[in-house]
Amino acid sequence: MPKTEEQKFMQRFVAMGCQKKHLFSMGLISNDLNSGKKEGSGKNTSLASTF
C-alpha cells in the first residue's frame, strides 16, 4: 500500500475501534502495517488477541 493509503487505513481502524468485527478482520492486516508504528500496533495487537 502507498503511504497515503496506509495512513487512511489506520485512521479508519482507530475510528472504528468500537466495531469488533472490523477490529477482528482489519486487525490481521493492520499488524503488518503497524510493524513500524509502535503506538498503533500495541493497541491493535491487544484488541485482536482478545478474540
Protein backbone atom coordinates (compact mmCIF):
# COMPACT_ATOMS: atom_id res chain seq x y z
CA MET A 1 0.00 0.00 0.00
CA PRO A 2 1.14 3.55 -0.67
CA LYS A 3 1.94 5.67 2.37
CA THR A 4 -1.25 7.72 1.96
CA GLU A 5 -3.44 4.62 1.79
CA GLU A 6 -1.73 3.21 4.87
CA GLN A 7 -2.43 6.40 6.83
CA LYS A 8 -6.08 6.39 5.74
CA PHE A 9 -6.34 2.75 6.75
CA MET A 10 -5.01 3.46 10.22
CA GLN A 11 -7.39 6.40 10.67
CA ARG A 12 -10.32 4.15 9.76
CA PHE A 13 -9.08 1.44 12.12
CA VAL A 14 -8.90 3.83 15.07
CA ALA A 15 -12.22 5.44 14.16
CA MET A 16 -13.94 2.04 14.02
CA GLY A 17 -12.42 0.92 17.31
CA CYS A 18 -15.89 0.27 18.71
CA GLN A 19 -16.79 -2.19 15.96
CA LYS A 20 -15.44 -5.60 16.95
CA LYS A 21 -15.96 -7.12 13.50
CA HIS A 22 -13.66 -4.52 11.96
CA LEU A 23 -11.12 -5.00 14.75
CA PHE A 24 -11.02 -8.72 14.09
CA SER A 25 -10.87 -8.61 10.28
CA MET A 26 -8.74 -5.47 9.96
CA GLY A 27 -6.51 -6.35 12.92
CA LEU A 28 -4.87 -9.16 10.96
CA ILE A 29 -3.90 -6.72 8.19
CA SER A 30 -3.06 -3.77 10.42
CA ASN A 31 -0.46 -5.79 12.32
CA ASP A 32 1.68 -5.80 9.17
CA LEU A 33 1.06 -2.09 8.54
CA ASN A 34 1.88 -1.27 12.16
CA SER A 35 5.22 -3.09 12.14
CA GLY A 36 6.92 0.32 12.20
CA LYS A 37 4.28 2.13 14.27
CA LYS A 38 4.59 1.08 17.90
CA GLU A 39 1.77 3.32 19.14
CA GLY A 40 -0.92 1.74 16.97
CA SER A 41 0.46 -1.80 16.97
CA GLY A 42 0.32 -2.07 20.75
CA LYS A 43 -3.39 -1.28 20.83
CA ASN A 44 -4.31 -3.33 17.79
CA THR A 45 -2.47 -6.46 18.89
CA SER A 46 -4.03 -6.33 22.35
CA LEU A 47 -7.54 -5.94 20.91
CA ALA A 48 -7.03 -8.65 18.32
CA SER A 49 -5.66 -11.07 20.91
CA THR A 50 -8.91 -10.88 22.88
CA PHE A 51 -10.61 -12.77 20.10
